[in-house]
C-alpha atoms as a PDB file:
ATOM      1  CA  UNK A   1       0.000   0.000   0.000  1.00  0.00           C
ATOM      2  CA  UNK A   2       3.027   2.286   0.150  1.00  0.00           C
ATOM      3  CA  UNK A   3       4.263   4.076  -2.927  1.00  0.00           C
ATOM      4  CA  UNK A   4       7.890   3.503  -3.997  1.00  0.00           C
ATOM      5  CA  UNK A   5       8.823   7.045  -2.948  1.00  0.00           C
ATOM      6  CA  UNK A   6       7.395   6.417   0.519  1.00  0.00           C
ATOM      7  CA  UNK A   7       9.327   3.164   0.860  1.00  0.00           C
ATOM      8  CA  UNK A   8      12.517   4.958  -0.197  1.00  0.00           C
ATOM      9  CA  UNK A   9      12.088   7.395   2.681  1.00  0.00           C
ATOM     10  CA  UNK A  10      11.076   4.998   5.476  1.00  0.00           C
ATOM     11  CA  UNK A  11      14.437   4.819   7.233  1.00  0.00           C
ATOM     12  CA  UNK A  12      15.042   8.563   7.023  1.00  0.00           C
ATOM     13  CA  UNK A  13      11.486   9.265   8.173  1.00  0.00           C
ATOM     14  CA  UNK A  14      11.974   7.163  11.306  1.00  0.00           C
ATOM     15  CA  UNK A  15      15.061   9.168  12.166  1.00  0.00           C
ATOM     16  CA  UNK A  16      13.406  12.491  11.369  1.00  0.00           C
ATOM     17  CA  UNK A  17      10.278  11.933  13.469  1.00  0.00           C
ATOM     18  CA  UNK A  18      12.399  10.774  16.407  1.00  0.00           C
ATOM     19  CA  UNK A  19      14.548  13.901  16.107  1.00  0.00           C
ATOM     20  CA  UNK A  20      11.434  16.077  15.875  1.00  0.00           C
ATOM     21  CA  UNK A  21      10.008  14.537  19.049  1.00  0.00           C
ATOM     22  CA  UNK A  22      13.316  15.146  20.827  1.00  0.00           C
ATOM     23  CA  UNK A  23      13.221  18.787  19.812  1.00  0.00           C
ATOM     24  CA  UNK A  24       9.628  19.076  21.031  1.00  0.00           C
ATOM     25  CA  UNK A  25      10.578  17.604  24.423  1.00  0.00           C
ATOM     26  CA  UNK A  26      13.535  19.994  24.660  1.00  0.00           C
ATOM     27  CA  UNK A  27      11.380  22.977  23.706  1.00  0.00           C
ATOM     28  CA  UNK A  28       8.776  22.042  26.289  1.00  0.00           C
ATOM     29  CA  UNK A  29      11.460  21.650  28.947  1.00  0.00           C
ATOM     30  CA  UNK A  30      12.824  25.118  28.102  1.00  0.00           C
ATOM     31  CA  UNK A  31       9.283  26.573  28.144  1.00  0.00           C
ATOM     32  CA  UNK A  32       8.607  25.226  31.627  1.00  0.00           C
ATOM     33  CA  UNK A  33       6.956  21.854  30.813  1.00  0.00           C
ATOM     34  CA  UNK A  34       3.650  23.304  29.670  1.00  0.00           C
ATOM     35  CA  UNK A  35       2.774  20.899  26.829  1.00  0.00           C
ATOM     36  CA  UNK A  36       3.808  17.357  27.788  1.00  0.00           C
ATOM     37  CA  UNK A  37       2.695  16.083  31.164  1.00  0.00           C
ATOM     38  CA  UNK A  38       5.566  15.366  33.519  1.00  0.00           C
ATOM     39  CA  UNK A  39       5.758  13.617  36.871  1.00  0.00           C
ATOM     40  CA  UNK A  40       9.163  14.895  37.954  1.00  0.00           C
ATOM     41  CA  UNK A  41      11.528  17.768  37.327  1.00  0.00           C
ATOM     42  CA  UNK A  42      13.691  17.313  34.245  1.00  0.00           C
ATOM     43  CA  UNK A  43      11.548  14.557  32.742  1.00  0.00           C
ATOM     44  CA  UNK A  44      11.190  16.283  29.384  1.00  0.00           C
ATOM     45  CA  UNK A  45      14.936  16.918  29.265  1.00  0.00           C
ATOM     46  CA  UNK A  46      15.499  13.207  29.893  1.00  0.00           C
ATOM     47  CA  UNK A  47      12.993  12.353  27.152  1.00  0.00           C
ATOM     48  CA  UNK A  48      14.849  14.701  24.800  1.00  0.00           C
ATOM     49  CA  UNK A  49      18.163  13.033  25.546  1.00  0.00           C
ATOM     50  CA  UNK A  50      16.711   9.556  24.989  1.00  0.00           C
ATOM     51  CA  UNK A  51      15.297  10.600  21.623  1.00  0.00           C
ATOM     52  CA  UNK A  52      18.581  12.174  20.551  1.00  0.00           C
ATOM     53  CA  UNK A  53      20.418   8.971  21.531  1.00  0.00           C
ATOM     54  CA  UNK A  54      17.931   6.989  19.436  1.00  0.00           C
ATOM     55  CA  UNK A  55      18.626   9.288  16.475  1.00  0.00           C
ATOM     56  CA  UNK A  56      22.340   8.738  16.915  1.00  0.00           C
ATOM     57  CA  UNK A  57      21.795   4.980  17.071  1.00  0.00           C
ATOM     58  CA  UNK A  58      19.656   5.096  13.922  1.00  0.00           C
ATOM     59  CA  UNK A  59      22.403   7.011  12.134  1.00  0.00           C
ATOM     60  CA  UNK A  60      24.885   4.266  13.019  1.00  0.00           C
ATOM     61  CA  UNK A  61      22.432   1.606  11.832  1.00  0.00           C
ATOM     62  CA  UNK A  62      21.108   3.411   8.757  1.00  0.00           C
ATOM     63  CA  UNK A  63      22.814   1.062   6.291  1.00  0.00           C
ATOM     64  CA  UNK A  64      21.213  -1.939   7.978  1.00  0.00           C
ATOM     65  CA  UNK A  65      17.805  -0.238   8.028  1.00  0.00           C
ATOM     66  CA  UNK A  66      18.105   0.410   4.299  1.00  0.00           C
ATOM     67  CA  UNK A  67      19.123  -3.211   3.682  1.00  0.00           C
ATOM     68  CA  UNK A  68      16.037  -4.467   5.506  1.00  0.00           C
ATOM     69  CA  UNK A  69      13.765  -2.156   3.530  1.00  0.00           C
ATOM     70  CA  UNK A  70      15.351  -3.200   0.251  1.00  0.00           C
ATOM     71  CA  UNK A  71      15.064  -6.889   1.140  1.00  0.00           C
ATOM     72  CA  UNK A  72      11.348  -6.549   1.775  1.00  0.00           C
ATOM     73  CA  UNK A  73      10.870  -4.476  -1.359  1.00  0.00           C
ATOM     74  CA  UNK A  74      12.359  -7.237  -3.529  1.00  0.00           C
ATOM     75  CA  UNK A  75      10.331  -9.930  -1.747  1.00  0.00           C
ATOM     76  CA  UNK A  76       7.043  -8.234  -2.538  1.00  0.00           C
END
């Protein structure tokens, strides 16, 4: 159901949306935690850091992500 152009951008899109969420957590932390609910001080900063680490991990694994996508493209 995905178009070829959408499939081509799957790996990058995963990284981008994770980065965007990290930025949103950081922005909310800097704005005083007014958007995302928190249960402790610094929670949104911690969330930001986790998301940025995930982005870094995805960058290291990007080749493998692309291989997996390509494998499934050729199988279908």
